[in-house]
PDB file of N, CA and C in Angstrom:
ATOM      1  N   GLU A   1       0.818  -1.200   0.000  1.00  0.00           N
ATOM      2  CA  GLU A   1       0.000   0.000   0.000  1.00  0.00           C
ATOM      3  C   GLU A   1       0.860   1.263   0.000  1.00  0.00           C
ATOM      4  N   GLU A   2       1.909   1.265   0.761  1.00  0.00           N
ATOM      5  CA  GLU A   2       2.837   2.411   0.783  1.00  0.00           C
ATOM      6  C   GLU A   2       3.458   2.591  -0.601  1.00  0.00           C
ATOM      7  N   GLU A   3       3.814   1.481  -1.222  1.00  0.00           N
ATOM      8  CA  GLU A   3       4.406   1.541  -2.563  1.00  0.00           C
ATOM      9  C   GLU A   3       3.407   2.108  -3.565  1.00  0.00           C
ATOM     10  N   ALA A   4       2.178   1.706  -3.477  1.00  0.00           N
ATOM     11  CA  ALA A   4       1.133   2.213  -4.375  1.00  0.00           C
ATOM     12  C   ALA A   4       0.944   3.713  -4.136  1.00  0.00           C
ATOM     13  N   ARG A   5       0.951   4.120  -2.903  1.00  0.00           N
ATOM     14  CA  ARG A   5       0.800   5.541  -2.591  1.00  0.00           C
ATOM     15  C   ARG A   5       1.986   6.345  -3.132  1.00  0.00           C
ATOM     16  N   MET A   6       3.185   5.807  -2.993  1.00  0.00           N
ATOM     17  CA  MET A   6       4.384   6.462  -3.515  1.00  0.00           C
ATOM     18  C   MET A   6       4.330   6.549  -5.040  1.00  0.00           C
ATOM     19  N   ARG A   7       3.897   5.451  -5.673  1.00  0.00           N
ATOM     20  CA  ARG A   7       3.791   5.426  -7.136  1.00  0.00           C
ATOM     21  C   ARG A   7       2.748   6.462  -7.594  1.00  0.00           C
ATOM     22  N   ALA A   8       1.620   6.524  -6.908  1.00  0.00           N
ATOM     23  CA  ALA A   8       0.583   7.489  -7.253  1.00  0.00           C
ATOM     24  C   ALA A   8       1.123   8.912  -7.083  1.00  0.00           C
ATOM     25  N   GLU A   9       1.897   9.151  -6.043  1.00  0.00           N
ATOM     26  CA  GLU A   9       2.495  10.469  -5.803  1.00  0.00           C
ATOM     27  C   GLU A   9       3.470  10.830  -6.927  1.00  0.00           C
ATOM     28  N   ARG A  10       4.312   9.868  -7.346  1.00  0.00           N
ATOM     29  CA  ARG A  10       5.259  10.111  -8.445  1.00  0.00           C
ATOM     30  C   ARG A  10       4.514  10.384  -9.741  1.00  0.00           C
ATOM     31  N   GLU A  11       3.428   9.629  -9.989  1.00  0.00           N
ATOM     32  CA  GLU A  11       2.641   9.849 -11.208  1.00  0.00           C
ATOM     33  C   GLU A  11       2.000  11.238 -11.184  1.00  0.00           C
ATOM     34  N   ARG A  12       1.489  11.622 -10.042  1.00  0.00           N
ATOM     35  CA  ARG A  12       0.883  12.951  -9.932  1.00  0.00           C
ATOM     36  C   ARG A  12       1.942  14.030 -10.147  1.00  0.00           C
ATOM     37  N   GLU A  13       3.105  13.845  -9.565  1.00  0.00           N
ATOM     38  CA  GLU A  13       4.198  14.801  -9.760  1.00  0.00           C
ATOM     39  C   GLU A  13       4.635  14.831 -11.224  1.00  0.00           C
ATOM     40  N   ALA A  14       4.679  13.659 -11.858  1.00  0.00           N
ATOM     41  CA  ALA A  14       5.055  13.600 -13.273  1.00  0.00           C
ATOM     42  C   ALA A  14       4.015  14.320 -14.124  1.00  0.00           C
ATOM     43  N   GLU A  15       2.744  14.128 -13.815  1.00  0.00           N
ATOM     44  CA  GLU A  15       1.676  14.818 -14.547  1.00  0.00           C
ATOM     45  C   GLU A  15       1.773  16.327 -14.344  1.00  0.00           C
ATOM     46  N   MET A  16       2.041  16.750 -13.123  1.00  0.00           N
ATOM     47  CA  MET A  16       2.174  18.183 -12.838  1.00  0.00           C
ATOM     48  C   MET A  16       3.374  18.765 -13.591  1.00  0.00           C
ATOM     49  N   ALA A  17       4.477  18.013 -13.611  1.00  0.00           N
ATOM     50  CA  ALA A  17       5.671  18.473 -14.329  1.00  0.00           C
ATOM     51  C   ALA A  17       5.381  18.560 -15.824  1.00  0.00           C
ATOM     52  N   LYS A  18       4.670  17.552 -16.349  1.00  0.00           N
ATOM     53  CA  LYS A  18       4.315  17.552 -17.773  1.00  0.00           C
ATOM     54  C   LYS A  18       3.419  18.747 -18.081  1.00  0.00           C
ATOM     55  N   LYS A  19       2.436  18.985 -17.239  1.00  0.00           N
ATOM     56  CA  LYS A  19       1.527  20.107 -17.429  1.00  0.00           C
ATOM     57  C   LYS A  19       2.308  21.430 -17.373  1.00  0.00           C
ATOM     58  N   GLN A  20       3.236  21.530 -16.445  1.00  0.00           N
ATOM     59  CA  GLN A  20       4.049  22.745 -16.322  1.00  0.00           C
ATOM     60  C   GLN A  20       4.894  22.962 -17.579  1.00  0.00           C
ATOM     61  N   ARG A  21       5.487  21.893 -18.111  1.00  0.00           N
ATOM     62  CA  ARG A  21       6.282  22.001 -19.342  1.00  0.00           C
ATOM     63  C   ARG A  21       5.418  22.471 -20.501  1.00  0.00           C
ATOM     64  N   GLU A  22       4.212  21.907 -20.601  1.00  0.00           N
ATOM     65  CA  GLU A  22       3.291  22.317 -21.672  1.00  0.00           C
ATOM     66  C   GLU A  22       2.904  23.783 -21.518  1.00  0.00           C
ATOM     67  N   GLU A  23       2.624  24.214 -20.283  1.00  0.00           N
ATOM     68  CA  GLU A  23       2.288  25.617 -20.044  1.00  0.00           C
ATOM     69  C   GLU A  23       3.469  26.524 -20.396  1.00  0.00           C
ATOM     70  N   ASP A  24       4.673  26.089 -20.015  1.00  0.00           N
ATOM     71  CA  ASP A  24       5.871  26.869 -20.332  1.00  0.00           C
ATOM     72  C   ASP A  24       6.064  26.962 -21.848  1.00  0.00           C
ATOM     73  N   ARG A  25       5.872  25.849 -22.530  1.00  0.00           N
ATOM     74  CA  ARG A  25       6.017  25.816 -23.990  1.00  0.00           C
ATOM     75  C   ARG A  25       4.996  26.758 -24.650  1.00  0.00           C
ATOM     76  N   GLU A  26       3.756  26.713 -24.176  1.00  0.00           N
ATOM     77  CA  GLU A  26       2.704  27.583 -24.725  1.00  0.00           C
ATOM     78  C   GLU A  26       3.006  29.056 -24.428  1.00  0.00           C
ATOM     79  N   ARG A  27       3.502  29.336 -23.238  1.00  0.00           N
ATOM     80  CA  ARG A  27       3.869  30.707 -22.874  1.00  0.00           C
ATOM     81  C   ARG A  27       4.985  31.215 -23.776  1.00  0.00           C
ATOM     82  N   ARG A  28       6.019  30.382 -24.011  1.00  0.00           N
ATOM     83  CA  ARG A  28       7.119  30.780 -24.891  1.00  0.00           C
ATOM     84  C   ARG A  28       6.630  31.004 -26.318  1.00  0.00           C
ATOM     85  N   ARG A  29       5.701  30.157 -26.769  1.00  0.00           N
ATOM     86  CA  ARG A  29       5.147  30.316 -28.114  1.00  0.00           C
ATOM     87  C   ARG A  29       4.418  31.658 -28.224  1.00  0.00           C
ATOM     88  N   LYS A  30       3.601  31.963 -27.217  1.00  0.00           N
ATOM     89  CA  LYS A  30       2.869  33.235 -27.209  1.00  0.00           C
ATOM     90  C   LYS A  30       3.831  34.416 -27.167  1.00  0.00           C
ATOM     91  N   GLU A  31       4.899  34.291 -26.385  1.00  0.00           N
ATOM     92  CA  GLU A  31       5.891  35.363 -26.303  1.00  0.00           C
ATOM     93  C   GLU A  31       6.557  35.582 -27.659  1.00  0.00           C
ATOM     94  N   LYS A  32       6.865  34.485 -28.353  1.00  0.00           N
ATOM     95  CA  LYS A  32       7.481  34.601 -29.681  1.00  0.00           C
ATOM     96  C   LYS A  32       6.531  35.285 -30.659  1.00  0.00           C
ATOM     97  N   VAL A  33       5.263  34.899 -30.619  1.00  0.00           N
ATOM     98  CA  VAL A  33       4.265  35.527 -31.499  1.00  0.00           C
ATOM     99  C   VAL A  33       4.170  37.016 -31.183  1.00  0.00           C
ATOM    100  N   GLU A  34       4.102  37.348 -29.904  1.00  0.00           N
ATOM    101  CA  GLU A  34       4.015  38.755 -29.494  1.00  0.00           C
ATOM    102  C   GLU A  34       5.260  39.521 -29.947  1.00  0.00           C
ATOM    103  N   GLU A  35       6.411  38.935 -29.769  1.00  0.00           N
ATOM    104  CA  GLU A  35       7.661  39.577 -30.199  1.00  0.00           C
ATOM    105  C   GLU A  35       7.657  39.796 -31.712  1.00  0.00           C
ATOM    106  N   ALA A  36       7.184  38.814 -32.454  1.00  0.00           N
ATOM    107  CA  ALA A  36       7.111  38.952 -33.914  1.00  0.00           C
ATOM    108  C   ALA A  36       6.164  40.091 -34.295  1.00  0.00           C
ATOM    109  N   LEU A  37       5.038  40.192 -33.610  1.00  0.00           N
ATOM    110  CA  LEU A  37       4.096  41.283 -33.891  1.00  0.00           C
ATOM    111  C   LEU A  37       4.718  42.642 -33.585  1.00  0.00           C
ATOM    112  N   ILE A  38       5.422  42.713 -32.480  1.00  0.00           N
ATOM    113  CA  ILE A  38       6.087  43.967 -32.113  1.00  0.00           C
ATOM    114  C   ILE A  38       7.132  44.330 -33.162  1.00  0.00           C
ATOM    115  N   GLN A  39       7.907  43.339 -33.606  1.00  0.00           N
ATOM    116  CA  GLN A  39       8.922  43.603 -34.628  1.00  0.00           C
ATOM    117  C   GLN A  39       8.275  44.095 -35.921  1.00  0.00           C
ATOM    118  N   GLU A  40       7.144  43.515 -36.299  1.00  0.00           N
ATOM    119  CA  GLU A  40       6.432  43.952 -37.506  1.00  0.00           C
ATOM    120  C   GLU A  40       5.940  45.387 -37.348  1.00  0.00           C
ATOM    121  N   GLU A  41       5.433  45.730 -36.165  1.00  0.00           N
ATOM    122  CA  GLU A  41       4.979  47.096 -35.916  1.00  0.00           C
ATOM    123  C   GLU A  41       6.144  48.069 -36.018  1.00  0.00           C
ATOM    124  N   ILE A  42       7.270  47.705 -35.443  1.00  0.00           N
ATOM    125  CA  ILE A  42       8.464  48.558 -35.505  1.00  0.00           C
ATOM    126  C   ILE A  42       8.887  48.746 -36.953  1.00  0.00           C
ATOM    127  N   LYS A  43       8.895  47.659 -37.698  1.00  0.00           N
ATOM    128  CA  LYS A  43       9.276  47.726 -39.111  1.00  0.00           C
ATOM    129  C   LYS A  43       8.328  48.649 -39.884  1.00  0.00           C
ATOM    130  N   ALA A  44       7.039  48.524 -39.645  1.00  0.00           N
ATOM    131  CA  ALA A  44       6.047  49.368 -40.320  1.00  0.00           C
ATOM    132  C   ALA A  44       6.230  50.833 -39.931  1.00  0.00           C
ATOM    133  N   LEU A  45       6.494  51.095 -38.657  1.00  0.00           N
ATOM    134  CA  LEU A  45       6.705  52.476 -38.212  1.00  0.00           C
ATOM    135  C   LEU A  45       7.961  53.070 -38.842  1.00  0.00           C
ATOM    136  N   LYS A  46       9.012  52.288 -38.926  1.00  0.00           N
ATOM    137  CA  LYS A  46      10.241  52.775 -39.562  1.00  0.00           C
ATOM    138  C   LYS A  46      10.000  53.076 -41.039  1.00  0.00           C
ATOM    139  N   GLN A  47       9.227  52.226 -41.696  1.00  0.00           N
ATOM    140  CA  GLN A  47       8.901  52.463 -43.107  1.00  0.00           C
ATOM    141  C   GLN A  47       8.094  53.758 -43.253  1.00  0.00           C
ATOM    142  N   ARG A  48       7.105  53.954 -42.369  1.00  0.00           N
ATOM    143  CA  ARG A  48       6.311  55.191 -42.412  1.00  0.00           C
ATOM    144  C   ARG A  48       7.205  56.407 -42.202  1.00  0.00           C
ATOM    145  N   GLU A  49       8.137  56.277 -41.265  1.00  0.00           N
ATOM    146  CA  GLU A  49       9.054  57.379 -40.993  1.00  0.00           C
ATOM    147  C   GLU A  49       9.906  57.675 -42.226  1.00  0.00           C
ATOM    148  N   ARG A  50      10.412  56.631 -42.859  1.00  0.00           N
ATOM    149  CA  ARG A  50      11.245  56.789 -44.039  1.00  0.00           C
ATOM    150  C   ARG A  50      10.450  57.470 -45.165  1.00  0.00           C
ATOM    151  N   VAL A  51       9.220  57.013 -45.387  1.00  0.00           N
ATOM    152  CA  VAL A  51       8.373  57.597 -46.432  1.00  0.00           C
ATOM    153  C   VAL A  51       8.101  59.073 -46.117  1.00  0.00           C
ATOM    154  N   ARG A  52       7.813  59.359 -44.865  1.00  0.00           N
ATOM    155  CA  ARG A  52       7.528  60.744 -44.475  1.00  0.00           C
ATOM    156  C   ARG A  52       8.738  61.636 -44.677  1.00  0.00           C
ATOM    157  N   LEU A  53       9.907  61.157 -44.287  1.00  0.00           N
ATOM    158  CA  LEU A  53      11.125  61.948 -44.466  1.00  0.00           C
ATOM    159  C   LEU A  53      11.397  62.191 -45.951  1.00  0.00           C
ATOM    160  N   GLU A  54      11.184  61.166 -46.766  1.00  0.00           N
ATOM    161  CA  GLU A  54      11.373  61.325 -48.211  1.00  0.00           C
ATOM    162  C   GLU A  54      10.393  62.349 -48.770  1.00  0.00           C
ATOM    163  N   ALA A  55       9.149  62.317 -48.305  1.00  0.00           N
ATOM    164  CA  ALA A  55       8.141  63.274 -48.768  1.00  0.00           C
ATOM    165  C   ALA A  55       8.519  64.695 -48.340  1.00  0.00           C
ATOM    166  N   GLU A  56       9.004  64.836 -47.122  1.00  0.00           N
ATOM    167  CA  GLU A  56       9.428  66.156 -46.653  1.00  0.00           C
ATOM    168  C   GLU A  56      10.595  66.674 -47.490  1.00  0.00           C
ATOM    169  N   GLU A  57      11.531  65.791 -47.818  1.00  0.00           N
ATOM    170  CA  GLU A  57      12.677  66.182 -48.644  1.00  0.00           C
ATOM    171  C   GLU A  57      12.198  66.624 -50.028  1.00  0.00           C
ATOM    172  N   ARG A  58      11.258  65.868 -50.610  1.00  0.00           N
ATOM    173  CA  ARG A  58      10.725  66.262 -51.924  1.00  0.00           C
ATOM    174  C   ARG A  58      10.015  67.607 -51.826  1.00  0.00           C
ATOM    175  N   ALA A  59       9.286  67.833 -50.748  1.00  0.00           N
ATOM    176  CA  ALA A  59       8.584  69.111 -50.572  1.00  0.00           C
ATOM    177  C   ALA A  59       9.585  70.260 -50.479  1.00  0.00           C
ATOM    178  N   ARG A  60      10.701  70.042 -49.777  1.00  0.00           N
ATOM    179  CA  ARG A  60      11.740  71.085 -49.696  1.00  0.00           C
ATOM    180  C   ARG A  60      12.331  71.343 -51.077  1.00  0.00           C
ATOM    181  N   GLU A  61      12.582  70.284 -51.841  1.00  0.00           N
ATOM    182  CA  GLU A  61      13.120  70.453 -53.195  1.00  0.00           C
ATOM    183  C   GLU A  61      12.152  71.237 -54.071  1.00  0.00           C
ATOM    184  N   VAL A  62      10.867  70.902 -53.988  1.00  0.00           N
ATOM    185  CA  VAL A  62       9.855  71.608 -54.776  1.00  0.00           C
ATOM    186  C   VAL A  62       9.810  73.079 -54.369  1.00  0.00           C
ATOM    187  N   ALA A  63       9.863  73.360 -53.078  1.00  0.00           N
ATOM    188  CA  ALA A  63       9.839  74.745 -52.598  1.00  0.00           C
ATOM    189  C   ALA A  63      11.056  75.508 -53.105  1.00  0.00           C
ATOM    190  N   THR A  64      12.212  74.870 -53.115  1.00  0.00           N
ATOM    191  CA  THR A  64      13.429  75.506 -53.615  1.00  0.00           C
ATOM    192  C   THR A  64      13.294  75.818 -55.103  1.00  0.00           C
ATOM    193  N   ILE A  65      12.798  74.855 -55.855  1.00  0.00           N
ATOM    194  CA  ILE A  65      12.607  75.055 -57.291  1.00  0.00           C
ATOM    195  C   ILE A  65      11.591  76.168 -57.533  1.00  0.00           C
ATOM    196  N   HIS A  66      10.504  76.154 -56.783  1.00  0.00           N
ATOM    197  CA  HIS A  66       9.475  77.184 -56.936  1.00  0.00           C
ATOM    198  C   HIS A  66      10.065  78.567 -56.641  1.00  0.00           C
ATOM    199  N   ALA A  67      10.871  78.680 -55.590  1.00  0.00           N
ATOM    200  CA  ALA A  67      11.499  79.965 -55.247  1.00  0.00           C
ATOM    201  C   ALA A  67      12.422  80.415 -56.372  1.00  0.00           C
ATOM    202  N   GLU A  68      13.153  79.493 -56.964  1.00  0.00           N
ATOM    203  CA  GLU A  68      14.044  79.840 -58.079  1.00  0.00           C
ATOM    204  C   GLU A  68      13.240  80.323 -59.282  1.00  0.00           C
ATOM    205  N   ILE A  69      12.132  79.652 -59.569  1.00  0.00           N
ATOM    206  CA  ILE A  69      11.258  80.084 -60.674  1.00  0.00           C
ATOM    207  C   ILE A  69      10.752  81.494 -60.408  1.00  0.00           C
ATOM    208  N   GLU A  70      10.270  81.736 -59.194  1.00  0.00           N
ATOM    209  CA  GLU A  70       9.776  83.066 -58.842  1.00  0.00           C
ATOM    210  C   GLU A  70      10.873  84.120 -58.997  1.00  0.00           C
ATOM    211  N   ARG A  71      12.082  83.807 -58.540  1.00  0.00           N
ATOM    212  CA  ARG A  71      13.199  84.755 -58.626  1.00  0.00           C
ATOM    213  C   ARG A  71      13.508  85.080 -60.084  1.00  0.00           C
ATOM    214  N   ARG A  72      13.571  84.040 -60.894  1.00  0.00           N
ATOM    215  CA  ARG A  72      13.891  84.271 -62.317  1.00  0.00           C
ATOM    216  C   ARG A  72      12.778  85.031 -63.032  1.00  0.00           C
ATOM    217  N   GLU A  73      11.532  84.745 -62.708  1.00  0.00           N
ATOM    218  CA  GLU A  73      10.431  85.485 -63.324  1.00  0.00           C
ATOM    219  C   GLU A  73      10.472  86.948 -62.904  1.00  0.00           C
ATOM    220  N   ALA A  74      10.804  87.212 -61.636  1.00  0.00           N
ATOM    221  CA  ALA A  74      10.920  88.587 -61.161  1.00  0.00           C
ATOM    222  C   ALA A  74      12.060  89.296 -61.899  1.00  0.00           C
ATOM    223  N   GLU A  75      13.185  88.609 -62.075  1.00  0.00           N
ATOM    224  CA  GLU A  75      14.308  89.195 -62.828  1.00  0.00           C
ATOM    225  C   GLU A  75      13.882  89.514 -64.265  1.00  0.00           C
ATOM    226  N   ARG A  76      13.151  88.598 -64.876  1.00  0.00           N
ATOM    227  CA  ARG A  76      12.710  88.803 -66.258  1.00  0.00           C
ATOM    228  C   ARG A  76      11.764  90.000 -66.343  1.00  0.00           C
ATOM    229  N   ARG A  77      10.819  90.103 -65.399  1.00  0.00           N
ATOM    230  CA  ARG A  77       9.887  91.233 -65.396  1.00  0.00           C
ATOM    231  C   ARG A  77      10.640  92.549 -65.204  1.00  0.00           C
ATOM    232  N   GLU A  78      11.613  92.546 -64.283  1.00  0.00           N
ATOM    233  CA  GLU A  78      12.391  93.761 -64.041  1.00  0.00           C
ATOM    234  C   GLU A  78      13.188  94.144 -65.283  1.00  0.00           C
ATOM    235  N   ALA A  79      13.788  93.175 -65.935  1.00  0.00           N
ATOM    236  CA  ALA A  79      14.542  93.455 -67.162  1.00  0.00           C
ATOM    237  C   ALA A  79      13.615  94.000 -68.238  1.00  0.00           C
ATOM    238  N   GLN A  80      12.416  93.468 -68.329  1.00  0.00           N
ATOM    239  CA  GLN A  80      11.461  93.949 -69.325  1.00  0.00           C
ATOM    240  C   GLN A  80      11.029  95.384 -69.009  1.00  0.00           C
ATOM    241  N   ARG A  81      10.793  95.681 -67.717  1.00  0.00           N
ATOM    242  CA  ARG A  81      10.427  97.053 -67.328  1.00  0.00           C
ATOM    243  C   ARG A  81      11.559  98.024 -67.664  1.00  0.00           C
ATOM    244  N   THR A  82      12.788  97.599 -67.369  1.00  0.00           N
ATOM    245  CA  THR A  82      13.941  98.456 -67.667  1.00  0.00           C
ATOM    246  C   THR A  82      14.045  98.696 -69.164  1.00  0.00           C
ATOM    247  N   ALA A  83      13.886  97.654 -69.945  1.00  0.00           N
ATOM    248  CA  ALA A  83      13.965  97.795 -71.407  1.00  0.00           C
ATOM    249  C   ALA A  83      12.846  98.699 -71.913  1.00  0.00           C
ATOM    250  N   ASP A  84      11.646  98.530 -71.396  1.00  0.00           N
ATOM    251  CA  ASP A  84      10.518  99.379 -71.813  1.00  0.00           C
ATOM    252  C   ASP A  84      10.779 100.838 -71.458  1.00  0.00           C
ATOM    253  N   ALA A  85      11.321 101.088 -70.257  1.00  0.00           N
ATOM    254  CA  ALA A  85      11.592 102.461 -69.824  1.00  0.00           C
ATOM    255  C   ALA A  85      12.670 103.086 -70.697  1.00  0.00           C
ATOM    256  N   GLN A  86      13.695 102.343 -71.029  1.00  0.00           N
ATOM    257  CA  GLN A  86      14.758 102.867 -71.872  1.00  0.00           C
ATOM    258  C   GLN A  86      14.230 103.178 -73.266  1.00  0.00           C
ATOM    259  N   GLN A  87      13.355 102.334 -73.754  1.00  0.00           N
ATOM    260  CA  GLN A  87      12.804 102.535 -75.095  1.00  0.00           C
ATOM    261  C   GLN A  87      11.949 103.800 -75.142  1.00  0.00           C
ATOM    262  N   GLN A  88      11.227 104.081 -74.078  1.00  0.00           N
ATOM    263  CA  GLN A  88      10.365 105.268 -74.047  1.00  0.00           C
ATOM    264  C   GLN A  88      11.173 106.551 -73.922  1.00  0.00           C
ATOM    265  N   THR A  89      12.313 106.512 -73.250  1.00  0.00           N
ATOM    266  CA  THR A  89      13.109 107.728 -73.058  1.00  0.00           C
ATOM    267  C   THR A  89      14.151 107.908 -74.137  1.00  0.00           C
ATOM    268  N   ALA A  90      14.391 106.927 -74.958  1.00  0.00           N
ATOM    269  CA  ALA A  90      15.421 107.034 -76.003  1.00  0.00           C
ATOM    270  C   ALA A  90      14.904 107.928 -77.133  1.00  0.00           C
ATOM    271  N   PRO A  91      15.810 108.691 -77.744  1.00  0.00           N
ATOM    272  CA  PRO A  91      15.393 109.512 -78.873  1.00  0.00           C
ATOM    273  C   PRO A  91      15.029 108.615 -80.052  1.00  0.00           C
ATOM    274  N   PRO A  92      14.168 109.075 -80.924  1.00  0.00           N
ATOM    275  CA  PRO A  92      13.792 108.238 -82.051  1.00  0.00           C
ATOM    276  C   PRO A  92      15.000 107.943 -82.922  1.00  0.00           C
ATOM    277  N   PRO A  93      15.029 106.828 -83.554  1.00  0.00           N
ATOM    278  CA  PRO A  93      16.175 106.511 -84.407  1.00  0.00           C
ATOM    279  C   PRO A  93      16.210 107.476 -85.593  1.00  0.00           C
ATOM    280  N   PRO A  94      17.416 107.739 -86.104  1.00  0.00           N
ATOM    281  CA  PRO A  94      17.510 108.674 -87.234  1.00  0.00           C
ATOM    282  C   PRO A  94      16.789 108.082 -88.444  1.00  0.00           C
ATOM    283  N   ALA A  95      16.202 109.002 -89.195  1.00  0.00           N
ATOM    284  CA  ALA A  95      15.498 108.561 -90.398  1.00  0.00           C
ATOM    285  C   ALA A  95      16.521 108.212 -91.455  1.00  0.00           C
ATOM    286  N   PHE A  96      16.225 107.201 -92.208  1.00  0.00           N
ATOM    287  CA  PHE A  96      17.159 106.823 -93.261  1.00  0.00           C
ATOM    288  C   PHE A  96      16.891 107.701 -94.473  1.00  0.00           C
ATOM    289  N   SER A  97      17.935 108.102 -95.057  1.00  0.00           N
ATOM    290  CA  SER A  97      17.819 108.947 -96.234  1.00  0.00           C
ATOM    291  C   SER A  97      17.547 108.060 -97.450  1.00  0.00           C
ATOM    292  N   THR A  98      16.641 108.509 -98.233  1.00  0.00           N
ATOM    293  CA  THR A  98      16.318 107.749 -99.436  1.00  0.00           C
ATOM    294  C   THR A  98      17.164 108.216-100.600  1.00  0.00           C
ATOM    295  N   THR A  99      17.938 109.261-100.362  1.00  0.00           N
ATOM    296  CA  THR A  99      18.799 109.732-101.447  1.00  0.00           C
ATOM    297  C   THR A  99      20.135 109.032-101.346  1.00  0.00           C
ATOM    298  N   PRO A 100      20.650 108.634-102.478  1.00  0.00           N
ATOM    299  CA  PRO A 100      21.941 107.948-102.438  1.00  0.00           C
ATOM    300  C   PRO A 100      23.058 108.913-102.025  1.00  0.00           C
ATOM    301  N   PRO A 101      24.075 108.426-101.392  1.00  0.00           N
ATOM    302  CA  PRO A 101      25.178 109.301-101.008  1.00  0.00           C
ATOM    303  C   PRO A 101      25.878 109.810-102.286  1.00  0.00           C
ATOM    304  N   PRO A 102      26.478 110.963-102.137  1.00  0.00           N
ATOM    305  CA  PRO A 102      27.142 111.505-103.341  1.00  0.00           C
ATOM    306  C   PRO A 102      28.306 110.667-103.838  1.00  0.00           C
TER     307      PRO A 102
END
């Protein structure tokens, strides 16, 4: 009877140990899944950050180009105003003579 009780105790302990191993295995599996999800989220956030930075860089480039266009158009308008003003204040060109030179 003592032997049977000891055997039953060992079997119960073995079952508890087996159950604990299974719980540990399931916990580790869940932790791995959670870690994988976290890594995917980090990867997605880094990609979003990269895309955003690239978009900001393109926006800065566009703004620079736009400013250059504006500057050049202003220069062209100023040059045209200067040319128009000079043309209005310049004396008329000499008339060409229709008589042949002597």
